[in-house]
């Protein structure tokens, strides 16, 4: 995906974000631009501040300064619930699934569907058949090969668990999906399945923010690469125009980005 970035093409934007923890500045005037319908990889060395940036965009931390916009409208996230209310879903490394519960229950965790009528309003009974049917629909839509949504998550493989977490994000994240190291600790086959999931979500028109240390995966799936360094955006590059070694050099500061890349206009 290429072209000039404008307010109309942006799904999520940040300008001048700052976050301090005492004498430590985790985010130092960071900018961020996520275009509609793209996969934007965010990379950086440990301590570069990319995790803090992503947490600010996901509502997990509140910046001390700066502005976040969705679709050109200024937004304020005081919690992850605020971000979710705006359609931002995050898949963290720990997946936030409950192993003992079945797939359908995990998919609707915190968003359980109650029965209609008095059984749902007064007795707060859950509509298990409806949740199972919708869960199966979401899994089928993303082509996740799971036999039954009544399986306990603890019985699934690592890749399948990641699939459940991604399906939950795709089901409710209508604006942006953020994925934090989604292929970490997965084998080659399962990592490939997750990469295909990311492509499927993008093809459905939902932009994806991918935080990853796995450069081959980044180059396989990313439309653009946001390089984070020293608490701020160092540049945005086109993976078709830059080699993997060049991107690593930019990430470590061994090479300088072009003026266009530094301005985030790759």
C-alpha atoms as a PDB file:
ATOM      1  CA  UNK A   1       0.000   0.000   0.000  1.00  0.00           C
ATOM      2  CA  UNK A   2       1.429   3.371  -0.948  1.00  0.00           C
ATOM      3  CA  UNK A   3       0.440   6.957  -1.444  1.00  0.00           C
ATOM      4  CA  UNK A   4       0.417  10.207   0.417  1.00  0.00           C
ATOM      5  CA  UNK A   5      -0.987  10.148   3.922  1.00  0.00           C
ATOM      6  CA  UNK A   6      -3.955  12.461   4.493  1.00  0.00           C
ATOM      7  CA  UNK A   7      -6.509  12.769   7.268  1.00  0.00           C
ATOM      8  CA  UNK A   8      -8.997  10.887   5.087  1.00  0.00           C
ATOM      9  CA  UNK A   9      -6.665   7.898   4.653  1.00  0.00           C
ATOM     10  CA  UNK A  10      -5.808   7.568   8.351  1.00  0.00           C
ATOM     11  CA  UNK A  11      -7.555   5.171  10.705  1.00  0.00           C
ATOM     12  CA  UNK A  12      -5.454   6.068  13.765  1.00  0.00           C
ATOM     13  CA  UNK A  13      -3.053   8.940  14.312  1.00  0.00           C
ATOM     14  CA  UNK A  14      -0.957  10.352  17.158  1.00  0.00           C
ATOM     15  CA  UNK A  15       1.022  13.553  17.416  1.00  0.00           C
ATOM     16  CA  UNK A  16       3.591  14.562  20.004  1.00  0.00           C
ATOM     17  CA  UNK A  17       2.851  11.845  22.547  1.00  0.00           C
ATOM     18  CA  UNK A  18       4.867  12.080  25.759  1.00  0.00           C
ATOM     19  CA  UNK A  19       4.870   9.705  28.732  1.00  0.00           C
ATOM     20  CA  UNK A  20       7.192  10.068  31.705  1.00  0.00           C
ATOM     21  CA  UNK A  21       7.730   7.783  34.668  1.00  0.00           C
ATOM     22  CA  UNK A  22       9.563   9.975  37.143  1.00  0.00           C
ATOM     23  CA  UNK A  23      12.889  10.855  35.531  1.00  0.00           C
ATOM     24  CA  UNK A  24      12.439   8.289  32.745  1.00  0.00           C
ATOM     25  CA  UNK A  25      10.824   9.421  29.485  1.00  0.00           C
ATOM     26  CA  UNK A  26       9.269   6.376  27.829  1.00  0.00           C
ATOM     27  CA  UNK A  27       7.576   8.260  24.966  1.00  0.00           C
ATOM     28  CA  UNK A  28       9.389  11.358  23.785  1.00  0.00           C
ATOM     29  CA  UNK A  29       7.195  13.327  21.380  1.00  0.00           C
ATOM     30  CA  UNK A  30       6.142  10.299  19.342  1.00  0.00           C
ATOM     31  CA  UNK A  31       4.113  10.521  16.132  1.00  0.00           C
ATOM     32  CA  UNK A  32       2.130   7.660  14.632  1.00  0.00           C
ATOM     33  CA  UNK A  33       0.076   7.155  11.459  1.00  0.00           C
ATOM     34  CA  UNK A  34      -1.959   4.051  10.622  1.00  0.00           C
ATOM     35  CA  UNK A  35      -3.624   4.089   7.233  1.00  0.00           C
ATOM     36  CA  UNK A  36      -6.927   2.430   6.517  1.00  0.00           C
ATOM     37  CA  UNK A  37      -6.663  -1.143   5.256  1.00  0.00           C
ATOM     38  CA  UNK A  38      -2.946  -1.646   5.917  1.00  0.00           C
ATOM     39  CA  UNK A  39      -0.682  -3.731   8.103  1.00  0.00           C
ATOM     40  CA  UNK A  40       1.739  -1.381   9.839  1.00  0.00           C
ATOM     41  CA  UNK A  41       4.632  -3.131  11.574  1.00  0.00           C
ATOM     42  CA  UNK A  42       6.156  -1.368  14.582  1.00  0.00           C
ATOM     43  CA  UNK A  43       9.761  -2.333  15.294  1.00  0.00           C
ATOM     44  CA  UNK A  44      12.487  -1.096  17.616  1.00  0.00           C
ATOM     45  CA  UNK A  45      15.184  -2.259  19.996  1.00  0.00           C
ATOM     46  CA  UNK A  46      14.306  -3.164  23.573  1.00  0.00           C
ATOM     47  CA  UNK A  47      13.795   0.057  25.502  1.00  0.00           C
ATOM     48  CA  UNK A  48      12.930   2.060  22.375  1.00  0.00           C
ATOM     49  CA  UNK A  49       9.505   2.891  23.818  1.00  0.00           C
ATOM     50  CA  UNK A  50       7.371   1.014  21.294  1.00  0.00           C
ATOM     51  CA  UNK A  51       5.480  -0.891  24.015  1.00  0.00           C
ATOM     52  CA  UNK A  52       4.600   2.359  25.776  1.00  0.00           C
ATOM     53  CA  UNK A  53       3.459   3.863  22.478  1.00  0.00           C
ATOM     54  CA  UNK A  54       1.196   0.905  21.774  1.00  0.00           C
ATOM     55  CA  UNK A  55      -0.202   0.965  25.313  1.00  0.00           C
ATOM     56  CA  UNK A  56      -1.102   4.641  24.852  1.00  0.00           C
ATOM     57  CA  UNK A  57      -2.892   3.842  21.587  1.00  0.00           C
ATOM     58  CA  UNK A  58      -4.698   0.919  23.267  1.00  0.00           C
ATOM     59  CA  UNK A  59      -5.778   2.962  26.296  1.00  0.00           C
ATOM     60  CA  UNK A  60      -3.598   1.024  28.752  1.00  0.00           C
ATOM     61  CA  UNK A  61      -1.660   4.162  29.728  1.00  0.00           C
ATOM     62  CA  UNK A  62      -2.593   7.841  29.554  1.00  0.00           C
ATOM     63  CA  UNK A  63      -0.026  10.104  27.836  1.00  0.00           C
ATOM     64  CA  UNK A  64       1.164  13.210  29.660  1.00  0.00           C
ATOM     65  CA  UNK A  65       1.078  15.210  26.434  1.00  0.00           C
ATOM     66  CA  UNK A  66       0.025  14.859  22.826  1.00  0.00           C
ATOM     67  CA  UNK A  67      -3.058  13.979  20.843  1.00  0.00           C
ATOM     68  CA  UNK A  68      -4.634  10.809  19.460  1.00  0.00           C
ATOM     69  CA  UNK A  69      -7.103  10.886  16.576  1.00  0.00           C
ATOM     70  CA  UNK A  70      -9.341   8.260  14.999  1.00  0.00           C
ATOM     71  CA  UNK A  71     -10.683   9.009  11.554  1.00  0.00           C
ATOM     72  CA  UNK A  72      -9.575  12.606  12.010  1.00  0.00           C
ATOM     73  CA  UNK A  73     -11.503  13.051  15.291  1.00  0.00           C
ATOM     74  CA  UNK A  74      -9.596  13.750  18.514  1.00  0.00           C
ATOM     75  CA  UNK A  75     -10.149  11.020  21.121  1.00  0.00           C
ATOM     76  CA  UNK A  76      -9.145  10.563  24.749  1.00  0.00           C
ATOM     77  CA  UNK A  77      -8.596   7.065  26.113  1.00  0.00           C
ATOM     78  CA  UNK A  78      -8.749   6.812  29.901  1.00  0.00           C
ATOM     79  CA  UNK A  79      -8.806   3.018  29.829  1.00  0.00           C
ATOM     80  CA  UNK A  80      -8.630   0.040  27.489  1.00  0.00           C
ATOM     81  CA  UNK A  81     -12.435   0.045  27.654  1.00  0.00           C
ATOM     82  CA  UNK A  82     -12.456   3.508  26.081  1.00  0.00           C
ATOM     83  CA  UNK A  83     -10.235   2.263  23.265  1.00  0.00           C
ATOM     84  CA  UNK A  84     -12.442  -0.796  22.753  1.00  0.00           C
ATOM     85  CA  UNK A  85     -15.506   1.453  22.615  1.00  0.00           C
ATOM     86  CA  UNK A  86     -13.836   3.170  19.647  1.00  0.00           C
ATOM     87  CA  UNK A  87     -13.206  -0.181  17.932  1.00  0.00           C
ATOM     88  CA  UNK A  88      -9.579  -0.752  18.965  1.00  0.00           C
ATOM     89  CA  UNK A  89      -8.840  -4.322  20.059  1.00  0.00           C
ATOM     90  CA  UNK A  90      -5.444  -5.537  21.283  1.00  0.00           C
ATOM     91  CA  UNK A  91      -4.065  -9.085  21.249  1.00  0.00           C
ATOM     92  CA  UNK A  92      -1.341  -9.179  23.902  1.00  0.00           C
ATOM     93  CA  UNK A  93       1.439 -11.754  24.136  1.00  0.00           C
ATOM     94  CA  UNK A  94      -0.279 -13.549  27.017  1.00  0.00           C
ATOM     95  CA  UNK A  95      -3.460 -13.710  24.834  1.00  0.00           C
ATOM     96  CA  UNK A  96      -5.715 -13.020  27.879  1.00  0.00           C
ATOM     97  CA  UNK A  97      -7.596 -16.297  27.451  1.00  0.00           C
ATOM     98  CA  UNK A  98      -8.885 -18.527  30.241  1.00  0.00           C
ATOM     99  CA  UNK A  99      -7.625 -22.064  29.489  1.00  0.00           C
ATOM    100  CA  UNK A 100     -10.353 -23.889  31.435  1.00  0.00           C
ATOM    101  CA  UNK A 101     -13.180 -22.195  29.517  1.00  0.00           C
ATOM    102  CA  UNK A 102     -14.324 -23.297  26.086  1.00  0.00           C
ATOM    103  CA  UNK A 103     -13.620 -21.400  22.869  1.00  0.00           C
ATOM    104  CA  UNK A 104     -17.023 -19.707  22.648  1.00  0.00           C
ATOM    105  CA  UNK A 105     -16.815 -18.488  26.258  1.00  0.00           C
ATOM    106  CA  UNK A 106     -13.353 -17.056  25.638  1.00  0.00           C
ATOM    107  CA  UNK A 107     -14.482 -15.348  22.447  1.00  0.00           C
ATOM    108  CA  UNK A 108     -17.245 -13.537  24.352  1.00  0.00           C
ATOM    109  CA  UNK A 109     -15.247 -12.986  27.541  1.00  0.00           C
ATOM    110  CA  UNK A 110     -16.549  -9.755  29.101  1.00  0.00           C
ATOM    111  CA  UNK A 111     -19.159  -9.429  26.335  1.00  0.00           C
ATOM    112  CA  UNK A 112     -21.404 -12.374  27.156  1.00  0.00           C
ATOM    113  CA  UNK A 113     -24.745 -12.572  25.370  1.00  0.00           C
ATOM    114  CA  UNK A 114     -27.714 -12.991  27.694  1.00  0.00           C
ATOM    115  CA  UNK A 115     -30.971 -14.699  26.878  1.00  0.00           C
ATOM    116  CA  UNK A 116     -33.858 -12.573  25.751  1.00  0.00           C
ATOM    117  CA  UNK A 117     -36.728 -11.836  28.079  1.00  0.00           C
ATOM    118  CA  UNK A 118     -36.975 -12.380  31.806  1.00  0.00           C
ATOM    119  CA  UNK A 119     -34.388 -15.188  31.877  1.00  0.00           C
ATOM    120  CA  UNK A 120     -31.726 -12.804  30.662  1.00  0.00           C
ATOM    121  CA  UNK A 121     -32.747  -9.589  32.393  1.00  0.00           C
ATOM    122  CA  UNK A 122     -33.811 -10.957  35.765  1.00  0.00           C
ATOM    123  CA  UNK A 123     -31.935 -14.240  36.098  1.00  0.00           C
ATOM    124  CA  UNK A 124     -28.975 -13.138  33.915  1.00  0.00           C
ATOM    125  CA  UNK A 125     -28.866 -16.463  32.082  1.00  0.00           C
ATOM    126  CA  UNK A 126     -26.415 -16.646  29.194  1.00  0.00           C
ATOM    127  CA  UNK A 127     -27.469 -17.532  25.664  1.00  0.00           C
ATOM    128  CA  UNK A 128     -24.882 -20.270  25.131  1.00  0.00           C
ATOM    129  CA  UNK A 129     -26.300 -21.515  21.793  1.00  0.00           C
ATOM    130  CA  UNK A 130     -26.187 -17.999  20.311  1.00  0.00           C
ATOM    131  CA  UNK A 131     -22.605 -17.448  21.480  1.00  0.00           C
ATOM    132  CA  UNK A 132     -21.521 -20.823  20.099  1.00  0.00           C
ATOM    133  CA  UNK A 133     -23.144 -20.180  16.727  1.00  0.00           C
ATOM    134  CA  UNK A 134     -21.575 -16.718  16.438  1.00  0.00           C
ATOM    135  CA  UNK A 135     -18.191 -17.993  17.633  1.00  0.00           C
ATOM    136  CA  UNK A 136     -18.240 -20.708  14.951  1.00  0.00           C
ATOM    137  CA  UNK A 137     -19.137 -18.096  12.345  1.00  0.00           C
ATOM    138  CA  UNK A 138     -16.179 -15.899  13.330  1.00  0.00           C
ATOM    139  CA  UNK A 139     -13.755 -18.841  13.323  1.00  0.00           C
ATOM    140  CA  UNK A 140     -15.035 -20.049   9.947  1.00  0.00           C
ATOM    141  CA  UNK A 141     -14.816 -16.522   8.544  1.00  0.00           C
ATOM    142  CA  UNK A 142     -11.125 -16.369   9.401  1.00  0.00           C
ATOM    143  CA  UNK A 143     -10.599 -19.974   8.246  1.00  0.00           C
ATOM    144  CA  UNK A 144      -9.395 -21.162  11.657  1.00  0.00           C
ATOM    145  CA  UNK A 145      -9.522 -24.948  11.657  1.00  0.00           C
ATOM    146  CA  UNK A 146     -11.102 -25.805  14.998  1.00  0.00           C
ATOM    147  CA  UNK A 147     -13.473 -28.770  15.201  1.00  0.00           C
ATOM    148  CA  UNK A 148     -15.793 -27.541  17.956  1.00  0.00           C
ATOM    149  CA  UNK A 149     -16.249 -24.239  19.802  1.00  0.00           C
ATOM    150  CA  UNK A 150     -17.079 -26.257  22.931  1.00  0.00           C
ATOM    151  CA  UNK A 151     -13.443 -27.386  23.209  1.00  0.00           C
ATOM    152  CA  UNK A 152     -11.544 -26.082  26.219  1.00  0.00           C
ATOM    153  CA  UNK A 153      -8.827 -23.631  25.205  1.00  0.00           C
ATOM    154  CA  UNK A 154      -6.301 -25.585  27.293  1.00  0.00           C
ATOM    155  CA  UNK A 155      -6.676 -28.463  24.803  1.00  0.00           C
ATOM    156  CA  UNK A 156      -5.658 -26.307  21.832  1.00  0.00           C
ATOM    157  CA  UNK A 157      -2.239 -25.857  20.250  1.00  0.00           C
ATOM    158  CA  UNK A 158      -0.382 -22.565  20.595  1.00  0.00           C
ATOM    159  CA  UNK A 159      -1.381 -21.499  17.105  1.00  0.00           C
ATOM    160  CA  UNK A 160      -5.027 -22.353  17.717  1.00  0.00           C
ATOM    161  CA  UNK A 161      -5.032 -20.353  20.969  1.00  0.00           C
ATOM    162  CA  UNK A 162      -3.595 -17.418  19.061  1.00  0.00           C
ATOM    163  CA  UNK A 163      -6.362 -17.923  16.520  1.00  0.00           C
ATOM    164  CA  UNK A 164      -9.020 -17.692  19.239  1.00  0.00           C
ATOM    165  CA  UNK A 165      -7.508 -14.458  20.573  1.00  0.00           C
ATOM    166  CA  UNK A 166      -7.260 -12.998  17.067  1.00  0.00           C
ATOM    167  CA  UNK A 167     -10.843 -14.063  16.269  1.00  0.00           C
ATOM    168  CA  UNK A 168     -12.068 -12.273  19.396  1.00  0.00           C
ATOM    169  CA  UNK A 169     -10.213  -9.120  18.342  1.00  0.00           C
ATOM    170  CA  UNK A 170     -11.536  -9.340  14.772  1.00  0.00           C
ATOM    171  CA  UNK A 171     -15.091  -9.925  16.011  1.00  0.00           C
ATOM    172  CA  UNK A 172     -15.194  -6.742  18.057  1.00  0.00           C
ATOM    173  CA  UNK A 173     -12.358  -4.581  16.676  1.00  0.00           C
ATOM    174  CA  UNK A 174     -14.093  -2.761  13.859  1.00  0.00           C
ATOM    175  CA  UNK A 175     -11.598   0.120  13.826  1.00  0.00           C
ATOM    176  CA  UNK A 176      -8.084  -1.171  14.523  1.00  0.00           C
ATOM    177  CA  UNK A 177      -6.505  -4.426  15.679  1.00  0.00           C
ATOM    178  CA  UNK A 178      -3.186  -4.275  17.536  1.00  0.00           C
ATOM    179  CA  UNK A 179      -1.129  -7.472  17.785  1.00  0.00           C
ATOM    180  CA  UNK A 180       1.806  -7.700  20.173  1.00  0.00           C
ATOM    181  CA  UNK A 181       4.343 -10.337  19.057  1.00  0.00           C
ATOM    182  CA  UNK A 182       1.640 -12.727  17.771  1.00  0.00           C
ATOM    183  CA  UNK A 183       4.115 -15.339  16.476  1.00  0.00           C
ATOM    184  CA  UNK A 184       6.376 -15.417  19.539  1.00  0.00           C
ATOM    185  CA  UNK A 185       6.982 -18.975  20.800  1.00  0.00           C
ATOM    186  CA  UNK A 186       5.127 -20.511  17.840  1.00  0.00           C
ATOM    187  CA  UNK A 187       6.555 -23.031  15.401  1.00  0.00           C
ATOM    188  CA  UNK A 188       7.013 -22.378  11.692  1.00  0.00           C
ATOM    189  CA  UNK A 189       3.659 -23.873  10.643  1.00  0.00           C
ATOM    190  CA  UNK A 190       1.655 -22.131  13.369  1.00  0.00           C
ATOM    191  CA  UNK A 191       3.436 -18.827  12.733  1.00  0.00           C
ATOM    192  CA  UNK A 192       2.477 -19.132   9.077  1.00  0.00           C
ATOM    193  CA  UNK A 193      -1.157 -19.607  10.070  1.00  0.00           C
ATOM    194  CA  UNK A 194      -1.079 -16.441  12.181  1.00  0.00           C
ATOM    195  CA  UNK A 195       0.493 -14.469   9.320  1.00  0.00           C
ATOM    196  CA  UNK A 196      -2.321 -15.653   7.045  1.00  0.00           C
ATOM    197  CA  UNK A 197      -4.837 -14.547   9.700  1.00  0.00           C
ATOM    198  CA  UNK A 198      -3.320 -11.066   9.685  1.00  0.00           C
ATOM    199  CA  UNK A 199      -3.588 -10.906   5.901  1.00  0.00           C
ATOM    200  CA  UNK A 200      -7.221 -12.040   6.061  1.00  0.00           C
ATOM    201  CA  UNK A 201      -8.091  -9.324   8.571  1.00  0.00           C
ATOM    202  CA  UNK A 202      -6.398  -6.685   6.420  1.00  0.00           C
ATOM    203  CA  UNK A 203      -8.227  -7.948   3.338  1.00  0.00           C
ATOM    204  CA  UNK A 204     -11.496  -7.452   5.228  1.00  0.00           C
ATOM    205  CA  UNK A 205     -10.570  -3.778   5.495  1.00  0.00           C
ATOM    206  CA  UNK A 206      -9.498  -3.680   9.146  1.00  0.00           C
ATOM    207  CA  UNK A 207      -6.066  -2.074   9.647  1.00  0.00           C
ATOM    208  CA  UNK A 208      -3.579  -4.006  11.770  1.00  0.00           C
ATOM    209  CA  UNK A 209      -0.721  -2.769  13.945  1.00  0.00           C
ATOM    210  CA  UNK A 210       1.866  -5.549  14.240  1.00  0.00           C
ATOM    211  CA  UNK A 211       4.554  -5.301  16.920  1.00  0.00           C
ATOM    212  CA  UNK A 212       7.220  -7.866  16.131  1.00  0.00           C
ATOM    213  CA  UNK A 213      10.908  -8.700  16.450  1.00  0.00           C
ATOM    214  CA  UNK A 214      10.624 -11.278  13.656  1.00  0.00           C
ATOM    215  CA  UNK A 215      11.939  -9.410  10.631  1.00  0.00           C
ATOM    216  CA  UNK A 216      11.071 -12.097   8.035  1.00  0.00           C
ATOM    217  CA  UNK A 217       7.447 -12.014   9.244  1.00  0.00           C
ATOM    218  CA  UNK A 218       7.479  -8.214   9.188  1.00  0.00           C
ATOM    219  CA  UNK A 219       8.699  -8.170   5.602  1.00  0.00           C
ATOM    220  CA  UNK A 220       6.194 -10.842   4.585  1.00  0.00           C
ATOM    221  CA  UNK A 221       3.059  -9.139   5.843  1.00  0.00           C
ATOM    222  CA  UNK A 222       3.699  -5.413   6.453  1.00  0.00           C
ATOM    223  CA  UNK A 223       2.646  -2.728   3.993  1.00  0.00           C
ATOM    224  CA  UNK A 224       4.797  -0.178   5.857  1.00  0.00           C
ATOM    225  CA  UNK A 225       7.246  -0.354   8.764  1.00  0.00           C
ATOM    226  CA  UNK A 226       7.230   2.185  11.610  1.00  0.00           C
ATOM    227  CA  UNK A 227      10.716   2.333  13.160  1.00  0.00           C
ATOM    228  CA  UNK A 228      10.726   3.428  16.799  1.00  0.00           C
ATOM    229  CA  UNK A 229      13.914   4.673  18.410  1.00  0.00           C
ATOM    230  CA  UNK A 230      14.713   6.628  21.589  1.00  0.00           C
ATOM    231  CA  UNK A 231      11.058   7.046  22.484  1.00  0.00           C
ATOM    232  CA  UNK A 232       9.865   8.437  19.171  1.00  0.00           C
ATOM    233  CA  UNK A 233       9.278   7.624  15.532  1.00  0.00           C
ATOM    234  CA  UNK A 234      12.579   7.520  13.673  1.00  0.00           C
ATOM    235  CA  UNK A 235      10.932   6.924  10.327  1.00  0.00           C
ATOM    236  CA  UNK A 236       8.444   4.928   8.283  1.00  0.00           C
ATOM    237  CA  UNK A 237       9.754   2.799   5.438  1.00  0.00           C
ATOM    238  CA  UNK A 238       8.369   0.793   2.549  1.00  0.00           C
ATOM    239  CA  UNK A 239       9.546  -2.837   2.875  1.00  0.00           C
ATOM    240  CA  UNK A 240       9.542  -3.091  -0.923  1.00  0.00           C
ATOM    241  CA  UNK A 241      12.028  -0.221  -1.150  1.00  0.00           C
ATOM    242  CA  UNK A 242      14.331  -1.200   1.728  1.00  0.00           C
ATOM    243  CA  UNK A 243      16.241  -4.391   2.492  1.00  0.00           C
ATOM    244  CA  UNK A 244      16.051  -6.145   5.843  1.00  0.00           C
ATOM    245  CA  UNK A 245      19.624  -5.150   6.675  1.00  0.00           C
ATOM    246  CA  UNK A 246      18.865  -1.509   5.858  1.00  0.00           C
ATOM    247  CA  UNK A 247      15.843  -1.510   8.153  1.00  0.00           C
ATOM    248  CA  UNK A 248      17.917  -3.006  10.983  1.00  0.00           C
ATOM    249  CA  UNK A 249      20.530  -0.290  10.412  1.00  0.00           C
ATOM    250  CA  UNK A 250      17.830   2.380  10.631  1.00  0.00           C
ATOM    251  CA  UNK A 251      16.469   0.787  13.790  1.00  0.00           C
ATOM    252  CA  UNK A 252      19.869   0.817  15.516  1.00  0.00           C
ATOM    253  CA  UNK A 253      20.796   4.288  14.300  1.00  0.00           C
ATOM    254  CA  UNK A 254      23.625   3.057  12.065  1.00  0.00           C
ATOM    255  CA  UNK A 255      21.833   4.590   9.076  1.00  0.00           C
ATOM    256  CA  UNK A 256      19.688   7.699   8.749  1.00  0.00           C
ATOM    257  CA  UNK A 257      16.252   7.671   7.097  1.00  0.00           C
ATOM    258  CA  UNK A 258      15.507   9.816   4.064  1.00  0.00           C
ATOM    259  CA  UNK A 259      13.635  13.058   4.668  1.00  0.00           C
ATOM    260  CA  UNK A 260      10.429  11.454   3.409  1.00  0.00           C
ATOM    261  CA  UNK A 261      10.857   8.407   5.670  1.00  0.00           C
ATOM    262  CA  UNK A 262      11.672  10.613   8.677  1.00  0.00           C
ATOM    263  CA  UNK A 263       8.463  12.566   8.073  1.00  0.00           C
ATOM    264  CA  UNK A 264       6.443   9.336   8.121  1.00  0.00           C
ATOM    265  CA  UNK A 265       5.507   9.608   4.466  1.00  0.00           C
ATOM    266  CA  UNK A 266       6.841   6.311   3.104  1.00  0.00           C
END
